[in-house]
PDB file of N, CA and C in Angstrom:
ATOM      1  N   MET A   1      32.626  -1.508  22.800  1.00  0.00           N
ATOM      2  CA  MET A   1      31.266  -1.855  22.721  1.00  0.00           C
ATOM      3  C   MET A   1      29.822  -1.191  23.532  1.00  0.00           C
ATOM      4  N   ALA A   2      29.389  -1.139  22.709  1.00  0.00           N
ATOM      5  CA  ALA A   2      27.732  -0.657  24.194  1.00  0.00           C
ATOM      6  C   ALA A   2      27.432  -1.735  24.491  1.00  0.00           C
ATOM      7  N   HIS A   3      26.813  -1.508  25.464  1.00  0.00           N
ATOM      8  CA  HIS A   3      26.114  -2.318  26.352  1.00  0.00           C
ATOM      9  C   HIS A   3      25.489  -1.689  27.267  1.00  0.00           C
ATOM     10  N   PRO A   4      24.116  -1.956  27.207  1.00  0.00           N
ATOM     11  CA  PRO A   4      23.113  -1.235  28.516  1.00  0.00           C
ATOM     12  C   PRO A   4      23.963  -1.290  30.226  1.00  0.00           C
ATOM     13  N   LYS A   5      23.912  -0.282  30.999  1.00  0.00           N
ATOM     14  CA  LYS A   5      24.122   0.236  32.158  1.00  0.00           C
ATOM     15  C   LYS A   5      23.180  -1.013  32.946  1.00  0.00           C
ATOM     16  N   SER A   6      21.446  -0.934  32.497  1.00  0.00           N
ATOM     17  CA  SER A   6      21.164  -1.457  33.470  1.00  0.00           C
ATOM     18  C   SER A   6      19.777  -1.754  32.743  1.00  0.00           C
ATOM     19  N   ARG A   7      19.129  -2.677  33.319  1.00  0.00           N
ATOM     20  CA  ARG A   7      18.011  -3.666  32.421  1.00  0.00           C
ATOM     21  C   ARG A   7      16.725  -2.878  32.107  1.00  0.00           C
ATOM     22  N   VAL A   8      16.395  -2.718  30.380  1.00  0.00           N
ATOM     23  CA  VAL A   8      15.271  -2.169  30.647  1.00  0.00           C
ATOM     24  C   VAL A   8      13.852  -2.766  30.506  1.00  0.00           C
ATOM     25  N   SER A   9      13.293  -2.227  31.341  1.00  0.00           N
ATOM     26  CA  SER A   9      11.713  -3.095  31.475  1.00  0.00           C
ATOM     27  C   SER A   9      11.021  -3.595  30.678  1.00  0.00           C
ATOM     28  N   LYS A  10      10.253  -4.312  30.883  1.00  0.00           N
ATOM     29  CA  LYS A  10       9.264  -4.587  29.146  1.00  0.00           C
ATOM     30  C   LYS A  10       8.220  -3.262  28.969  1.00  0.00           C
ATOM     31  N   THR A  11       8.012  -2.533  30.159  1.00  0.00           N
ATOM     32  CA  THR A  11       6.673  -1.672  30.197  1.00  0.00           C
ATOM     33  C   THR A  11       7.849  -0.791  29.186  1.00  0.00           C
ATOM     34  N   ARG A  12       8.914  -0.438  29.668  1.00  0.00           N
ATOM     35  CA  ARG A  12       9.585   0.558  29.239  1.00  0.00           C
ATOM     36  C   ARG A  12       9.860   0.429  28.002  1.00  0.00           C
ATOM     37  N   LYS A  13      10.314  -0.893  27.403  1.00  0.00           N
ATOM     38  CA  LYS A  13      10.801  -1.083  25.988  1.00  0.00           C
ATOM     39  C   LYS A  13       9.242  -0.790  24.801  1.00  0.00           C
ATOM     40  N   ARG A  14       8.277  -1.523  25.818  1.00  0.00           N
ATOM     41  CA  ARG A  14       7.256  -1.584  25.014  1.00  0.00           C
ATOM     42  C   ARG A  14       6.293  -0.007  24.642  1.00  0.00           C
ATOM     43  N   LYS A  15       6.599   1.033  25.510  1.00  0.00           N
ATOM     44  CA  LYS A  15       6.418   2.564  25.271  1.00  0.00           C
ATOM     45  C   LYS A  15       7.432   2.815  24.229  1.00  0.00           C
ATOM     46  N   ARG A  16       8.507   2.234  24.456  1.00  0.00           N
ATOM     47  CA  ARG A  16       9.411   3.124  22.885  1.00  0.00           C
ATOM     48  C   ARG A  16       8.758   2.476  22.169  1.00  0.00           C
ATOM     49  N   ARG A  17       8.389   1.222  21.497  1.00  0.00           N
ATOM     50  CA  ARG A  17       7.975   0.936  20.435  1.00  0.00           C
ATOM     51  C   ARG A  17       6.422   1.183  19.860  1.00  0.00           C
ATOM     52  N   THR A  18       5.620   2.053  20.742  1.00  0.00           N
ATOM     53  CA  THR A  18       4.390   2.310  20.573  1.00  0.00           C
ATOM     54  C   THR A  18       4.138   2.831  19.058  1.00  0.00           C
ATOM     55  N   HIS A  19       5.373   3.494  18.681  1.00  0.00           N
ATOM     56  CA  HIS A  19       4.928   4.277  17.335  1.00  0.00           C
ATOM     57  C   HIS A  19       5.567   3.754  16.180  1.00  0.00           C
ATOM     58  N   LYS A  20       5.916   2.325  16.178  1.00  0.00           N
ATOM     59  CA  LYS A  20       6.752   1.550  15.248  1.00  0.00           C
ATOM     60  C   LYS A  20       5.088   0.356  15.019  1.00  0.00           C
ATOM     61  N   LYS A  21       4.392   1.479  14.188  1.00  0.00           N
ATOM     62  CA  LYS A  21       3.446   0.447  13.463  1.00  0.00           C
ATOM     63  C   LYS A  21       3.079   0.807  11.963  1.00  0.00           C
ATOM     64  N   LEU A  22       2.508  -0.226  11.214  1.00  0.00           N
ATOM     65  CA  LEU A  22       2.054   0.057   9.816  1.00  0.00           C
ATOM     66  C   LEU A  22       0.968   0.859  10.106  1.00  0.00           C
ATOM     67  N   THR A  23       0.569   1.441   8.754  1.00  0.00           N
ATOM     68  CA  THR A  23      -0.585   2.229   8.153  1.00  0.00           C
ATOM     69  C   THR A  23      -1.585   1.462   7.210  1.00  0.00           C
ATOM     70  N   ALA A  24      -2.401   2.136   7.424  1.00  0.00           N
ATOM     71  CA  ALA A  24      -3.178   1.462   6.241  1.00  0.00           C
ATOM     72  C   ALA A  24      -2.775   2.258   4.681  1.00  0.00           C
ATOM     73  N   PRO A  25      -3.158   1.421   3.715  1.00  0.00           N
ATOM     74  CA  PRO A  25      -2.821   1.931   2.475  1.00  0.00           C
ATOM     75  C   PRO A  25      -4.222   2.847   2.090  1.00  0.00           C
ATOM     76  N   HIS A  26      -3.660   4.194   1.351  1.00  0.00           N
ATOM     77  CA  HIS A  26      -4.979   5.058   0.937  1.00  0.00           C
ATOM     78  C   HIS A  26      -5.453   4.455   0.097  1.00  0.00           C
ATOM     79  N   VAL A  27      -6.793   4.092  -0.023  1.00  0.00           N
ATOM     80  CA  VAL A  27      -7.312   3.789  -1.168  1.00  0.00           C
ATOM     81  C   VAL A  27      -8.211   4.026  -1.827  1.00  0.00           C
ATOM     82  N   ALA A  28      -8.366   4.285  -3.415  1.00  0.00           N
ATOM     83  CA  ALA A  28      -9.090   5.275  -3.995  1.00  0.00           C
ATOM     84  C   ALA A  28     -10.503   4.733  -4.798  1.00  0.00           C
ATOM     85  N   ILE A  29     -11.026   5.093  -5.312  1.00  0.00           N
ATOM     86  CA  ILE A  29     -12.137   4.148  -5.836  1.00  0.00           C
ATOM     87  C   ILE A  29     -12.487   4.881  -7.249  1.00  0.00           C
ATOM     88  N   CYS A  30     -12.016   4.522  -8.505  1.00  0.00           N
ATOM     89  CA  CYS A  30     -11.879   5.008  -9.747  1.00  0.00           C
ATOM     90  C   CYS A  30     -13.564   5.276 -10.185  1.00  0.00           C
ATOM     91  N   PRO A  31     -13.977   6.360 -10.888  1.00  0.00           N
ATOM     92  CA  PRO A  31     -14.771   7.141 -11.110  1.00  0.00           C
ATOM     93  C   PRO A  31     -15.176   5.841 -12.433  1.00  0.00           C
ATOM     94  N   THR A  32     -14.650   5.765 -13.046  1.00  0.00           N
ATOM     95  CA  THR A  32     -14.664   5.318 -14.437  1.00  0.00           C
ATOM     96  C   THR A  32     -15.509   3.543 -14.109  1.00  0.00           C
ATOM     97  N   THR A  33     -14.808   2.824 -13.524  1.00  0.00           N
ATOM     98  CA  THR A  33     -14.802   1.324 -13.263  1.00  0.00           C
ATOM     99  C   THR A  33     -15.553   1.335 -11.994  1.00  0.00           C
ATOM    100  N   GLY A  34     -15.121   2.157 -11.081  1.00  0.00           N
ATOM    101  CA  GLY A  34     -15.784   1.866  -9.497  1.00  0.00           C
ATOM    102  C   GLY A  34     -15.126   1.165  -8.755  1.00  0.00           C
ATOM    103  N   GLU A  35     -13.701   0.366  -9.252  1.00  0.00           N
ATOM    104  CA  GLU A  35     -13.190  -0.463  -8.474  1.00  0.00           C
ATOM    105  C   GLU A  35     -12.311   0.418  -7.428  1.00  0.00           C
ATOM    106  N   PRO A  36     -11.931  -0.160  -6.655  1.00  0.00           N
ATOM    107  CA  PRO A  36     -10.924   0.283  -5.821  1.00  0.00           C
ATOM    108  C   PRO A  36      -9.601   0.043  -5.815  1.00  0.00           C
ATOM    109  N   HIS A  37      -8.939   1.036  -5.608  1.00  0.00           N
ATOM    110  CA  HIS A  37      -7.056   0.957  -6.266  1.00  0.00           C
ATOM    111  C   HIS A  37      -6.191   1.567  -5.338  1.00  0.00           C
ATOM    112  N   LEU A  38      -4.936   0.974  -5.421  1.00  0.00           N
ATOM    113  CA  LEU A  38      -4.204   2.023  -4.280  1.00  0.00           C
ATOM    114  C   LEU A  38      -3.662   3.639  -5.310  1.00  0.00           C
ATOM    115  N   TYR A  39      -3.307   4.494  -4.722  1.00  0.00           N
ATOM    116  CA  TYR A  39      -3.072   5.909  -5.338  1.00  0.00           C
ATOM    117  C   TYR A  39      -1.908   5.409  -6.071  1.00  0.00           C
ATOM    118  N   HIS A  40      -1.617   6.156  -7.554  1.00  0.00           N
ATOM    119  CA  HIS A  40      -0.170   6.354  -8.238  1.00  0.00           C
ATOM    120  C   HIS A  40      -0.430   5.080  -8.612  1.00  0.00           C
ATOM    121  N   ARG A  41      -1.160   4.324  -8.837  1.00  0.00           N
ATOM    122  CA  ARG A  41      -0.903   2.768  -9.486  1.00  0.00           C
ATOM    123  C   ARG A  41      -2.041   2.900 -10.544  1.00  0.00           C
ATOM    124  N   ALA A  42      -1.286   1.959 -11.359  1.00  0.00           N
ATOM    125  CA  ALA A  42      -2.259   1.577 -12.541  1.00  0.00           C
ATOM    126  C   ALA A  42      -2.894   0.102 -12.026  1.00  0.00           C
ATOM    127  N   TYR A  43      -3.964  -0.537 -12.783  1.00  0.00           N
ATOM    128  CA  TYR A  43      -5.230  -1.374 -12.136  1.00  0.00           C
ATOM    129  C   TYR A  43      -5.709  -2.088 -13.402  1.00  0.00           C
ATOM    130  N   GLU A  44      -5.363  -3.143 -13.009  1.00  0.00           N
ATOM    131  CA  GLU A  44      -6.446  -3.890 -13.900  1.00  0.00           C
ATOM    132  C   GLU A  44      -7.666  -4.060 -13.790  1.00  0.00           C
ATOM    133  N   VAL A  45      -9.082  -3.882 -14.701  1.00  0.00           N
ATOM    134  CA  VAL A  45     -10.201  -4.552 -14.703  1.00  0.00           C
ATOM    135  C   VAL A  45     -10.505  -4.863 -15.855  1.00  0.00           C
ATOM    136  N   ASP A  46     -11.047  -6.142 -15.813  1.00  0.00           N
ATOM    137  CA  ASP A  46     -11.852  -6.792 -17.140  1.00  0.00           C
ATOM    138  C   ASP A  46     -10.889  -6.672 -18.411  1.00  0.00           C
ATOM    139  N   GLY A  47      -9.850  -6.774 -18.322  1.00  0.00           N
ATOM    140  CA  GLY A  47      -8.667  -7.213 -18.931  1.00  0.00           C
ATOM    141  C   GLY A  47      -8.126  -5.573 -19.562  1.00  0.00           C
ATOM    142  N   ASN A  48      -8.365  -4.616 -18.957  1.00  0.00           N
ATOM    143  CA  ASN A  48      -7.797  -3.657 -19.522  1.00  0.00           C
ATOM    144  C   ASN A  48      -7.017  -2.765 -18.134  1.00  0.00           C
ATOM    145  N   LEU A  49      -6.330  -2.013 -18.672  1.00  0.00           N
ATOM    146  CA  LEU A  49      -5.062  -1.472 -17.455  1.00  0.00           C
ATOM    147  C   LEU A  49      -5.563  -0.207 -17.349  1.00  0.00           C
ATOM    148  N   TYR A  50      -5.959   0.667 -16.375  1.00  0.00           N
ATOM    149  CA  TYR A  50      -6.469   1.905 -16.159  1.00  0.00           C
ATOM    150  C   TYR A  50      -5.317   2.248 -15.385  1.00  0.00           C
ATOM    151  N   TYR A  51      -5.103   4.077 -15.572  1.00  0.00           N
ATOM    152  CA  TYR A  51      -4.322   4.656 -14.623  1.00  0.00           C
ATOM    153  C   TYR A  51      -5.173   6.507 -14.524  1.00  0.00           C
ATOM    154  N   ARG A  52      -5.649   6.910 -13.623  1.00  0.00           N
ATOM    155  CA  ARG A  52      -6.370   7.841 -13.756  1.00  0.00           C
ATOM    156  C   ARG A  52      -7.930   8.051 -14.616  1.00  0.00           C
ATOM    157  N   GLY A  53      -8.234   6.695 -14.422  1.00  0.00           N
ATOM    158  CA  GLY A  53      -9.620   6.720 -15.180  1.00  0.00           C
ATOM    159  C   GLY A  53      -9.563   6.313 -16.283  1.00  0.00           C
ATOM    160  N   LYS A  54      -8.607   6.244 -17.010  1.00  0.00           N
ATOM    161  CA  LYS A  54      -8.477   6.255 -18.379  1.00  0.00           C
ATOM    162  C   LYS A  54      -7.745   4.754 -18.823  1.00  0.00           C
ATOM    163  N   VAL A  55      -8.299   4.653 -20.078  1.00  0.00           N
ATOM    164  CA  VAL A  55      -7.370   3.066 -20.610  1.00  0.00           C
ATOM    165  C   VAL A  55      -6.104   3.283 -20.671  1.00  0.00           C
ATOM    166  N   LEU A  56      -4.933   2.951 -20.394  1.00  0.00           N
ATOM    167  CA  LEU A  56      -3.652   2.571 -20.751  1.00  0.00           C
ATOM    168  C   LEU A  56      -3.542   1.506 -21.848  1.00  0.00           C
ATOM    169  N   ALA A  57      -3.668   0.292 -21.397  1.00  0.00           N
ATOM    170  CA  ALA A  57      -3.685  -0.799 -22.824  1.00  0.00           C
ATOM    171  C   ALA A  57      -4.626  -2.052 -22.602  1.00  0.00           C
ATOM    172  N   ASN A  58      -5.510  -2.251 -23.362  1.00  0.00           N
ATOM    173  CA  ASN A  58      -5.951  -3.732 -23.308  1.00  0.00           C
ATOM    174  C   ASN A  58      -5.420  -4.611 -23.802  1.00  0.00           C
ATOM    175  N   LEU A  59      -5.172  -5.563 -22.745  1.00  0.00           N
ATOM    176  CA  LEU A  59      -4.108  -6.212 -22.382  1.00  0.00           C
ATOM    177  C   LEU A  59      -4.867  -7.355 -23.189  1.00  0.00           C
ATOM    178  N   GLU A  60      -6.254  -7.685 -23.510  1.00  0.00           N
ATOM    179  CA  GLU A  60      -6.472  -8.910 -24.034  1.00  0.00           C
ATOM    180  C   GLU A  60      -6.264  -8.727 -25.662  1.00  0.00           C
ATOM    181  N   GLN A  61      -5.911  -7.527 -26.249  1.00  0.00           N
ATOM    182  CA  GLN A  61      -5.644  -7.814 -27.602  1.00  0.00           C
ATOM    183  C   GLN A  61      -4.134  -7.449 -27.643  1.00  0.00           C
ATOM    184  N   GLU A  62      -3.444  -7.380 -26.535  1.00  0.00           N
ATOM    185  CA  GLU A  62      -1.768  -7.268 -26.695  1.00  0.00           C
ATOM    186  C   GLU A  62      -1.434  -8.635 -26.122  1.00  0.00           C
ATOM    187  N   GLU A  63      -1.815  -9.719 -25.875  1.00  0.00           N
ATOM    188  CA  GLU A  63      -1.543 -11.367 -25.798  1.00  0.00           C
ATOM    189  C   GLU A  63      -1.443 -11.902 -27.019  1.00  0.00           C
ATOM    190  N   ASP A  64      -2.657 -11.587 -27.642  1.00  0.00           N
ATOM    191  CA  ASP A  64      -2.976 -12.600 -28.989  1.00  0.00           C
ATOM    192  C   ASP A  64      -1.850 -12.261 -30.112  1.00  0.00           C
TER     193      ASP A  64
END
């Protein structure tokens, strides 16, 4: 069984963990609608589903 030979100080532990952090997501602005969205994801604006600036589906019409 693994066990530490000596105690790891708070400073040493925190130095090791400095690189473990989240990065902010990359957000793009749609040239067609001007809405912010995540890259490589479809997004909904006013009942329409957009991807890469083009309408994929009209969600209002499909629900009826």
